[in-house]
Amino acid sequence: MESNEEQNIVIDDPEGIRSFRATNMWMDDHDFYDARTDKQAALDMFDANHSEKDLEPVLFDMSNFYSLLPDKKYSDDAWFSGEVMEVYEKFTSFFDVDVWRIDVKVASDLEGGIVLPFYLTDRQFSGEWRPKKGEFVNGTAWLQGIVHDLEEPIVASRDLGES
């Protein structure tokens, strides 16, 4: 886990800038964009109407960004970014190692948002930095879970067969 401070994404290659700005220009005029059918028309519109300012790099400020996105390589990992809601330093100890609990809001568009608890040891933080309530952080989470049918009782069993 690390701080989101100064976390930015920059599109600085000319074709990436052109494509991004063309898509936005098309959306401003049409309120809808389908890359399969509108891409070339959007690029043509941009080429005919752009200014020098439209060719400047595109900067996305990620410092106050909420997200929970699947990892491309590992299906049970997710990249997260969000606001620290609570910090419980030395929440518990496991094999004589102190464990922190950090509650991070990863989605804010729902009522109350989605807050996930993360359990970390000191070595999982970047350097001397430690998260604080209200700060935006990001990291990779290993996700595990199971969904049960709440209409049926949960019964744990293991069929070991005949001995």
N, C-alpha and C. Protein backbone atom coordinates (compact mmCIF):
# COMPACT_ATOMS: atom_id res chain seq x y z
N MET A 1 0.85 -1.17 0.00
CA MET A 1 0.00 0.00 0.00
C MET A 1 0.89 1.23 0.00
N GLU A 2 0.49 2.24 -0.76
CA GLU A 2 1.25 3.48 -0.80
C GLU A 2 0.31 4.66 -0.99
N SER A 3 0.83 5.84 -0.75
CA SER A 3 0.06 7.07 -0.88
C SER A 3 -0.23 7.37 -2.35
N ASN A 4 -1.39 7.97 -2.61
CA ASN A 4 -1.74 8.40 -3.97
C ASN A 4 -1.15 9.77 -4.30
N GLU A 5 -0.48 10.40 -3.34
CA GLU A 5 0.08 11.72 -3.57
C GLU A 5 0.96 11.70 -4.81
N GLU A 6 0.73 12.64 -5.69
CA GLU A 6 1.48 12.78 -6.93
C GLU A 6 1.37 11.56 -7.84
N GLN A 7 0.25 10.83 -7.75
CA GLN A 7 -0.01 9.72 -8.66
C GLN A 7 -0.76 10.27 -9.87
N ASN A 8 -0.13 10.25 -11.02
CA ASN A 8 -0.74 10.77 -12.24
C ASN A 8 -0.54 9.79 -13.38
N ILE A 9 -1.46 9.84 -14.32
CA ILE A 9 -1.31 9.12 -15.58
C ILE A 9 -1.23 10.19 -16.66
N VAL A 10 -0.26 10.08 -17.55
CA VAL A 10 -0.07 11.07 -18.60
C VAL A 10 -0.13 10.38 -19.96
N ILE A 11 -0.95 10.93 -20.84
CA ILE A 11 -0.94 10.51 -22.24
C ILE A 11 -0.11 11.56 -22.97
N ASP A 12 1.07 11.16 -23.44
CA ASP A 12 1.94 12.15 -24.08
C ASP A 12 2.37 11.78 -25.50
N ASP A 13 1.94 10.60 -25.98
CA ASP A 13 2.28 10.27 -27.36
C ASP A 13 1.25 10.92 -28.29
N PRO A 14 1.66 11.46 -29.44
CA PRO A 14 0.76 12.21 -30.32
C PRO A 14 -0.50 11.46 -30.73
N GLU A 15 -0.39 10.17 -31.06
CA GLU A 15 -1.58 9.41 -31.47
C GLU A 15 -2.53 9.18 -30.30
N GLY A 16 -1.98 8.93 -29.11
CA GLY A 16 -2.81 8.76 -27.92
C GLY A 16 -3.56 10.04 -27.59
N ILE A 17 -2.87 11.18 -27.67
CA ILE A 17 -3.51 12.48 -27.42
C ILE A 17 -4.61 12.72 -28.43
N ARG A 18 -4.30 12.49 -29.70
CA ARG A 18 -5.27 12.70 -30.79
C ARG A 18 -6.52 11.85 -30.57
N SER A 19 -6.32 10.56 -30.26
CA SER A 19 -7.44 9.65 -30.05
C SER A 19 -8.28 10.06 -28.85
N PHE A 20 -7.62 10.42 -27.74
CA PHE A 20 -8.35 10.82 -26.53
C PHE A 20 -9.16 12.08 -26.79
N ARG A 21 -8.53 13.11 -27.36
CA ARG A 21 -9.21 14.39 -27.62
C ARG A 21 -10.33 14.22 -28.65
N ALA A 22 -10.09 13.38 -29.67
CA ALA A 22 -11.13 13.15 -30.69
C ALA A 22 -12.36 12.50 -30.07
N THR A 23 -12.14 11.53 -29.20
CA THR A 23 -13.26 10.87 -28.53
C THR A 23 -14.06 11.88 -27.70
N ASN A 24 -13.37 12.73 -26.93
CA ASN A 24 -14.07 13.73 -26.12
C ASN A 24 -14.81 14.73 -26.98
N MET A 25 -14.19 15.16 -28.10
CA MET A 25 -14.85 16.12 -29.00
C MET A 25 -16.12 15.50 -29.57
N TRP A 26 -16.02 14.22 -29.96
CA TRP A 26 -17.18 13.52 -30.51
C TRP A 26 -18.30 13.41 -29.46
N MET A 27 -17.93 13.08 -28.23
CA MET A 27 -18.91 12.96 -27.14
C MET A 27 -19.60 14.31 -26.87
N ASP A 28 -18.83 15.41 -26.93
CA ASP A 28 -19.43 16.73 -26.71
C ASP A 28 -20.51 17.03 -27.73
N ASP A 29 -20.33 16.58 -28.97
CA ASP A 29 -21.30 16.85 -30.03
C ASP A 29 -22.42 15.83 -30.12
N HIS A 30 -22.13 14.57 -29.76
CA HIS A 30 -23.09 13.49 -30.02
C HIS A 30 -23.61 12.77 -28.77
N ASP A 31 -23.02 13.01 -27.62
CA ASP A 31 -23.42 12.36 -26.36
C ASP A 31 -23.30 10.84 -26.38
N PHE A 32 -22.67 10.27 -27.39
CA PHE A 32 -22.50 8.83 -27.48
C PHE A 32 -21.29 8.55 -28.36
N TYR A 33 -20.53 7.49 -28.03
CA TYR A 33 -19.38 7.12 -28.84
C TYR A 33 -19.29 5.61 -28.90
N ASP A 34 -19.25 5.07 -30.10
CA ASP A 34 -19.05 3.64 -30.32
C ASP A 34 -17.77 3.50 -31.13
N ALA A 35 -16.72 2.97 -30.51
CA ALA A 35 -15.42 2.88 -31.15
C ALA A 35 -15.47 2.09 -32.46
N ARG A 36 -16.40 1.15 -32.57
CA ARG A 36 -16.48 0.34 -33.79
C ARG A 36 -16.96 1.14 -34.98
N THR A 37 -17.85 2.12 -34.73
CA THR A 37 -18.44 2.85 -35.86
C THR A 37 -18.07 4.33 -35.89
N ASP A 38 -17.68 4.92 -34.78
CA ASP A 38 -17.47 6.36 -34.71
C ASP A 38 -16.00 6.80 -34.69
N LYS A 39 -15.08 5.87 -34.56
CA LYS A 39 -13.67 6.25 -34.37
C LYS A 39 -13.12 7.11 -35.51
N GLN A 40 -13.25 6.65 -36.74
CA GLN A 40 -12.68 7.41 -37.86
C GLN A 40 -13.36 8.76 -38.02
N ALA A 41 -14.68 8.80 -37.85
CA ALA A 41 -15.40 10.07 -37.96
C ALA A 41 -14.96 11.04 -36.87
N ALA A 42 -14.72 10.52 -35.66
CA ALA A 42 -14.26 11.36 -34.55
C ALA A 42 -12.86 11.91 -34.85
N LEU A 43 -11.97 11.07 -35.37
CA LEU A 43 -10.62 11.51 -35.73
C LEU A 43 -10.66 12.56 -36.84
N ASP A 44 -11.52 12.36 -37.83
CA ASP A 44 -11.66 13.33 -38.92
C ASP A 44 -12.18 14.67 -38.38
N MET A 45 -13.15 14.60 -37.49
CA MET A 45 -13.71 15.82 -36.88
C MET A 45 -12.63 16.54 -36.07
N PHE A 46 -11.84 15.79 -35.31
CA PHE A 46 -10.77 16.39 -34.52
C PHE A 46 -9.73 17.05 -35.43
N ASP A 47 -9.31 16.35 -36.48
CA ASP A 47 -8.30 16.88 -37.40
C ASP A 47 -8.76 18.19 -38.03
N ALA A 48 -10.05 18.32 -38.28
CA ALA A 48 -10.59 19.53 -38.92
C ALA A 48 -10.80 20.68 -37.93
N ASN A 49 -10.88 20.39 -36.65
CA ASN A 49 -11.29 21.42 -35.69
C ASN A 49 -10.36 21.62 -34.49
N HIS A 50 -9.25 20.96 -34.41
CA HIS A 50 -8.42 21.06 -33.20
C HIS A 50 -7.57 22.33 -33.18
N SER A 51 -7.19 22.71 -31.96
CA SER A 51 -6.28 23.84 -31.77
C SER A 51 -4.94 23.30 -31.30
N GLU A 52 -3.95 24.16 -31.20
CA GLU A 52 -2.63 23.74 -30.69
C GLU A 52 -2.74 23.22 -29.26
N LYS A 53 -3.61 23.84 -28.47
CA LYS A 53 -3.79 23.42 -27.07
C LYS A 53 -4.29 21.97 -27.01
N ASP A 54 -5.08 21.56 -28.00
CA ASP A 54 -5.61 20.19 -28.03
C ASP A 54 -4.53 19.14 -28.25
N LEU A 55 -3.32 19.56 -28.64
CA LEU A 55 -2.23 18.62 -28.89
C LEU A 55 -1.30 18.48 -27.69
N GLU A 56 -1.61 19.20 -26.60
CA GLU A 56 -0.80 19.11 -25.38
C GLU A 56 -1.08 17.78 -24.66
N PRO A 57 -0.12 17.25 -23.91
CA PRO A 57 -0.34 16.00 -23.17
C PRO A 57 -1.58 16.07 -22.26
N VAL A 58 -2.19 14.91 -22.06
CA VAL A 58 -3.38 14.77 -21.22
C VAL A 58 -2.93 14.24 -19.86
N LEU A 59 -3.30 14.93 -18.79
CA LEU A 59 -2.91 14.54 -17.44
C LEU A 59 -4.14 14.13 -16.64
N PHE A 60 -4.09 12.93 -16.07
CA PHE A 60 -5.14 12.45 -15.17
C PHE A 60 -4.59 12.48 -13.76
N ASP A 61 -5.20 13.27 -12.90
CA ASP A 61 -4.79 13.36 -11.50
C ASP A 61 -5.46 12.22 -10.74
N MET A 62 -4.66 11.27 -10.29
CA MET A 62 -5.18 10.08 -9.61
C MET A 62 -5.14 10.22 -8.09
N SER A 63 -4.80 11.39 -7.59
CA SER A 63 -4.60 11.55 -6.15
C SER A 63 -5.89 11.38 -5.34
N ASN A 64 -7.05 11.62 -5.94
CA ASN A 64 -8.33 11.45 -5.24
C ASN A 64 -9.24 10.52 -6.04
N PHE A 65 -8.73 9.36 -6.34
CA PHE A 65 -9.38 8.43 -7.25
C PHE A 65 -9.89 7.21 -6.49
N TYR A 66 -11.16 6.83 -6.73
CA TYR A 66 -11.74 5.62 -6.14
C TYR A 66 -11.81 4.54 -7.22
N SER A 67 -11.27 3.35 -6.92
CA SER A 67 -11.40 2.27 -7.90
C SER A 67 -11.07 0.92 -7.27
N LEU A 68 -11.60 -0.10 -7.89
CA LEU A 68 -11.27 -1.49 -7.59
C LEU A 68 -11.31 -2.20 -8.93
N LEU A 69 -10.14 -2.44 -9.52
CA LEU A 69 -10.05 -2.95 -10.88
C LEU A 69 -9.35 -4.31 -10.91
N PRO A 70 -9.84 -5.24 -11.73
CA PRO A 70 -9.20 -6.55 -11.79
C PRO A 70 -7.80 -6.47 -12.37
N ASP A 71 -6.93 -7.34 -11.87
CA ASP A 71 -5.57 -7.43 -12.38
C ASP A 71 -5.60 -8.19 -13.70
N LYS A 72 -4.81 -7.75 -14.66
CA LYS A 72 -4.79 -8.41 -15.97
C LYS A 72 -4.11 -9.77 -15.93
N LYS A 73 -3.14 -9.92 -15.03
CA LYS A 73 -2.35 -11.15 -15.00
C LYS A 73 -2.91 -12.20 -14.04
N TYR A 74 -3.34 -11.77 -12.85
CA TYR A 74 -3.80 -12.70 -11.83
C TYR A 74 -5.29 -12.46 -11.54
N SER A 75 -6.11 -13.47 -11.74
CA SER A 75 -7.56 -13.30 -11.63
C SER A 75 -8.05 -13.03 -10.22
N ASP A 76 -7.26 -13.37 -9.19
CA ASP A 76 -7.71 -13.13 -7.82
C ASP A 76 -7.04 -11.90 -7.20
N ASP A 77 -6.37 -11.10 -8.02
CA ASP A 77 -5.79 -9.84 -7.56
C ASP A 77 -6.59 -8.67 -8.13
N ALA A 78 -6.58 -7.57 -7.41
CA ALA A 78 -7.23 -6.36 -7.89
C ALA A 78 -6.41 -5.15 -7.47
N TRP A 79 -6.33 -4.17 -8.36
CA TRP A 79 -5.68 -2.90 -8.04
C TRP A 79 -6.75 -2.02 -7.41
N PHE A 80 -6.42 -1.39 -6.29
CA PHE A 80 -7.41 -0.52 -5.64
C PHE A 80 -6.81 0.85 -5.41
N SER A 81 -7.70 1.83 -5.31
CA SER A 81 -7.34 3.19 -4.97
C SER A 81 -8.53 3.77 -4.23
N GLY A 82 -8.27 4.48 -3.13
CA GLY A 82 -9.39 5.06 -2.41
C GLY A 82 -8.95 5.80 -1.17
N GLU A 83 -9.96 6.26 -0.44
CA GLU A 83 -9.75 7.09 0.75
C GLU A 83 -9.69 6.23 2.01
N VAL A 84 -8.70 6.49 2.84
CA VAL A 84 -8.59 5.79 4.12
C VAL A 84 -9.68 6.33 5.05
N MET A 85 -10.56 5.43 5.49
CA MET A 85 -11.67 5.81 6.37
C MET A 85 -11.29 5.64 7.84
N GLU A 86 -10.52 4.60 8.14
CA GLU A 86 -10.07 4.33 9.52
C GLU A 86 -8.72 3.63 9.47
N VAL A 87 -7.91 3.90 10.50
CA VAL A 87 -6.62 3.24 10.66
C VAL A 87 -6.58 2.64 12.06
N TYR A 88 -6.36 1.34 12.13
CA TYR A 88 -6.23 0.65 13.41
C TYR A 88 -4.80 0.11 13.49
N GLU A 89 -3.92 0.91 14.08
CA GLU A 89 -2.53 0.50 14.23
C GLU A 89 -2.46 -0.62 15.26
N LYS A 90 -1.67 -1.65 14.98
CA LYS A 90 -1.53 -2.80 15.87
C LYS A 90 -2.90 -3.37 16.24
N PHE A 91 -3.72 -3.60 15.22
CA PHE A 91 -5.07 -4.13 15.37
C PHE A 91 -5.05 -5.49 16.05
N THR A 92 -4.05 -6.29 15.68
CA THR A 92 -3.87 -7.61 16.28
C THR A 92 -2.41 -8.01 16.07
N SER A 93 -2.06 -9.15 16.58
CA SER A 93 -0.70 -9.66 16.41
C SER A 93 -0.82 -11.10 15.93
N PHE A 94 0.04 -11.47 15.02
CA PHE A 94 0.02 -12.81 14.45
C PHE A 94 1.45 -13.30 14.38
N PHE A 95 1.78 -14.36 15.12
CA PHE A 95 3.15 -14.87 15.22
C PHE A 95 4.12 -13.76 15.61
N ASP A 96 3.74 -12.98 16.61
CA ASP A 96 4.55 -11.88 17.13
C ASP A 96 4.81 -10.76 16.11
N VAL A 97 3.98 -10.67 15.08
CA VAL A 97 4.07 -9.59 14.10
C VAL A 97 2.81 -8.75 14.24
N ASP A 98 2.98 -7.42 14.42
CA ASP A 98 1.85 -6.52 14.54
C ASP A 98 1.15 -6.37 13.19
N VAL A 99 -0.18 -6.40 13.22
CA VAL A 99 -0.99 -6.29 12.02
C VAL A 99 -1.86 -5.04 12.12
N TRP A 100 -1.83 -4.22 11.09
CA TRP A 100 -2.67 -3.03 11.01
C TRP A 100 -3.94 -3.39 10.26
N ARG A 101 -5.03 -2.70 10.58
CA ARG A 101 -6.24 -2.78 9.77
C ARG A 101 -6.48 -1.39 9.20
N ILE A 102 -6.59 -1.32 7.88
CA ILE A 102 -6.81 -0.06 7.19
C ILE A 102 -8.11 -0.21 6.41
N ASP A 103 -9.14 0.58 6.75
CA ASP A 103 -10.41 0.56 6.02
C ASP A 103 -10.33 1.59 4.90
N VAL A 104 -10.49 1.11 3.66
CA VAL A 104 -10.35 1.98 2.49
C VAL A 104 -11.64 1.97 1.68
N LYS A 105 -12.18 3.17 1.41
CA LYS A 105 -13.35 3.31 0.54
C LYS A 105 -12.87 3.25 -0.90
N VAL A 106 -13.32 2.25 -1.66
CA VAL A 106 -12.87 2.06 -3.03
C VAL A 106 -13.94 2.45 -4.06
N ALA A 107 -15.13 2.79 -3.60
CA ALA A 107 -16.20 3.28 -4.48
C ALA A 107 -17.02 4.28 -3.69
N SER A 108 -17.32 5.41 -4.31
CA SER A 108 -18.05 6.45 -3.59
C SER A 108 -19.40 6.76 -4.21
N ASP A 109 -19.74 6.14 -5.33
CA ASP A 109 -20.97 6.48 -6.01
C ASP A 109 -22.21 5.78 -5.44
N LEU A 110 -22.02 4.81 -4.60
CA LEU A 110 -23.13 4.12 -3.96
C LEU A 110 -23.39 4.73 -2.59
N GLU A 111 -24.58 4.54 -2.07
CA GLU A 111 -24.89 5.08 -0.74
C GLU A 111 -23.91 4.51 0.28
N GLY A 112 -23.09 5.36 0.86
CA GLY A 112 -22.10 4.93 1.82
C GLY A 112 -20.82 4.41 1.18
N GLY A 113 -20.84 4.16 -0.11
CA GLY A 113 -19.66 3.67 -0.81
C GLY A 113 -19.40 2.21 -0.50
N ILE A 114 -18.28 1.73 -0.96
CA ILE A 114 -17.81 0.37 -0.64
C ILE A 114 -16.51 0.53 0.12
N VAL A 115 -16.50 0.05 1.35
CA VAL A 115 -15.31 0.14 2.20
C VAL A 115 -14.78 -1.28 2.41
N LEU A 116 -13.51 -1.47 2.09
CA LEU A 116 -12.87 -2.77 2.28
C LEU A 116 -11.83 -2.68 3.38
N PRO A 117 -11.81 -3.67 4.28
CA PRO A 117 -10.74 -3.70 5.29
C PRO A 117 -9.51 -4.40 4.73
N PHE A 118 -8.36 -3.79 4.91
CA PHE A 118 -7.09 -4.39 4.50
C PHE A 118 -6.26 -4.64 5.75
N TYR A 119 -5.66 -5.80 5.86
CA TYR A 119 -4.83 -6.17 7.00
C TYR A 119 -3.38 -6.25 6.52
N LEU A 120 -2.51 -5.43 7.11
CA LEU A 120 -1.13 -5.31 6.64
C LEU A 120 -0.15 -5.28 7.79
N THR A 121 1.06 -5.73 7.50
CA THR A 121 2.16 -5.58 8.45
C THR A 121 3.01 -4.39 8.01
N ASP A 122 3.90 -3.92 8.87
CA ASP A 122 4.73 -2.76 8.55
C ASP A 122 5.50 -2.92 7.24
N ARG A 123 5.96 -4.12 6.95
CA ARG A 123 6.80 -4.31 5.75
C ARG A 123 6.01 -4.18 4.45
N GLN A 124 4.68 -4.12 4.54
CA GLN A 124 3.87 -3.96 3.34
C GLN A 124 3.62 -2.50 2.98
N PHE A 125 4.14 -1.57 3.78
CA PHE A 125 4.04 -0.15 3.48
C PHE A 125 5.30 0.30 2.74
N SER A 126 5.20 1.40 2.02
CA SER A 126 6.35 1.96 1.29
C SER A 126 7.23 2.75 2.24
N GLY A 127 8.45 2.27 2.49
CA GLY A 127 9.42 2.98 3.33
C GLY A 127 8.89 3.29 4.72
N GLU A 128 9.09 4.55 5.16
CA GLU A 128 8.64 4.98 6.49
C GLU A 128 7.20 5.49 6.48
N TRP A 129 6.61 5.62 5.31
CA TRP A 129 5.25 6.14 5.19
C TRP A 129 4.24 5.20 5.85
N ARG A 130 3.24 5.77 6.55
CA ARG A 130 2.12 5.03 7.12
C ARG A 130 0.84 5.77 6.78
N PRO A 131 -0.23 5.06 6.43
CA PRO A 131 -1.47 5.73 6.02
C PRO A 131 -2.14 6.48 7.17
N LYS A 132 -2.85 7.56 6.80
CA LYS A 132 -3.59 8.37 7.77
C LYS A 132 -5.04 8.50 7.29
N LYS A 133 -5.95 8.62 8.22
CA LYS A 133 -7.36 8.80 7.90
C LYS A 133 -7.53 10.02 7.00
N GLY A 134 -8.31 9.86 5.93
CA GLY A 134 -8.56 10.94 4.99
C GLY A 134 -7.61 10.96 3.80
N GLU A 135 -6.51 10.23 3.88
CA GLU A 135 -5.52 10.18 2.80
C GLU A 135 -5.99 9.19 1.73
N PHE A 136 -5.61 9.43 0.49
CA PHE A 136 -5.91 8.49 -0.59
C PHE A 136 -4.70 7.58 -0.79
N VAL A 137 -4.98 6.28 -0.93
CA VAL A 137 -3.93 5.27 -1.05
C VAL A 137 -4.25 4.35 -2.22
N ASN A 138 -3.26 3.54 -2.60
CA ASN A 138 -3.50 2.54 -3.62
C ASN A 138 -2.62 1.33 -3.35
N GLY A 139 -2.95 0.24 -3.99
CA GLY A 139 -2.17 -0.98 -3.82
C GLY A 139 -2.80 -2.12 -4.58
N THR A 140 -2.32 -3.31 -4.34
CA THR A 140 -2.86 -4.52 -4.94
C THR A 140 -3.42 -5.38 -3.83
N ALA A 141 -4.63 -5.87 -4.03
CA ALA A 141 -5.28 -6.71 -3.03
C ALA A 141 -5.45 -8.12 -3.58
N TRP A 142 -5.23 -9.09 -2.73
CA TRP A 142 -5.50 -10.49 -3.06
C TRP A 142 -6.90 -10.76 -2.56
N LEU A 143 -7.82 -11.05 -3.46
CA LEU A 143 -9.23 -11.20 -3.10
C LEU A 143 -9.60 -12.67 -3.01
N GLN A 144 -10.28 -13.01 -1.93
CA GLN A 144 -10.79 -14.36 -1.73
C GLN A 144 -12.21 -14.25 -1.21
N GLY A 145 -13.06 -15.16 -1.59
CA GLY A 145 -14.41 -15.12 -1.09
C GLY A 145 -15.24 -16.27 -1.62
N ILE A 146 -16.40 -16.40 -1.05
CA ILE A 146 -17.35 -17.41 -1.49
C ILE A 146 -18.75 -16.84 -1.27
N VAL A 147 -19.65 -17.15 -2.16
CA VAL A 147 -21.03 -16.67 -2.05
C VAL A 147 -21.91 -17.88 -1.76
N HIS A 148 -22.71 -17.74 -0.73
CA HIS A 148 -23.63 -18.82 -0.35
C HIS A 148 -25.05 -18.41 -0.67
N ASP A 149 -25.89 -19.40 -0.96
CA ASP A 149 -27.32 -19.16 -1.12
C ASP A 149 -27.88 -18.97 0.28
N LEU A 150 -28.33 -17.78 0.59
CA LEU A 150 -28.79 -17.49 1.95
C LEU A 150 -30.10 -18.18 2.30
N GLU A 151 -30.78 -18.77 1.30
CA GLU A 151 -32.01 -19.51 1.56
C GLU A 151 -31.71 -20.90 2.13
N GLU A 152 -30.53 -21.42 1.83
CA GLU A 152 -30.14 -22.75 2.29
C GLU A 152 -29.15 -22.62 3.44
N PRO A 153 -29.20 -23.51 4.43
CA PRO A 153 -28.22 -23.45 5.52
C PRO A 153 -26.82 -23.75 5.00
N ILE A 154 -25.83 -23.11 5.60
CA ILE A 154 -24.44 -23.34 5.24
C ILE A 154 -23.96 -24.55 6.02
N VAL A 155 -23.55 -25.59 5.30
CA VAL A 155 -23.10 -26.83 5.93
C VAL A 155 -21.73 -27.17 5.37
N ALA A 156 -20.78 -27.32 6.24
CA ALA A 156 -19.44 -27.73 5.81
C ALA A 156 -19.37 -29.24 5.89
N SER A 157 -18.91 -29.88 4.81
CA SER A 157 -18.77 -31.33 4.83
C SER A 157 -17.63 -31.74 3.94
N ARG A 158 -17.08 -32.87 4.21
CA ARG A 158 -16.02 -33.43 3.37
C ARG A 158 -16.28 -34.91 3.23
N ASP A 159 -16.47 -35.33 2.00
CA ASP A 159 -16.71 -36.75 1.74
C ASP A 159 -15.34 -37.41 1.59
N LEU A 160 -14.95 -38.18 2.59
CA LEU A 160 -13.65 -38.85 2.58
C LEU A 160 -13.74 -40.26 2.01
N GLY A 161 -14.94 -40.67 1.66
CA GLY A 161 -15.11 -42.01 1.07
C GLY A 161 -14.93 -43.10 2.12
N GLU A 162 -14.95 -44.33 1.65
CA GLU A 162 -14.79 -45.48 2.52
C GLU A 162 -13.33 -45.66 2.91
N SER A 163 -13.07 -46.07 4.16
CA SER A 163 -11.69 -46.33 4.56
C SER A 163 -11.43 -47.80 4.53
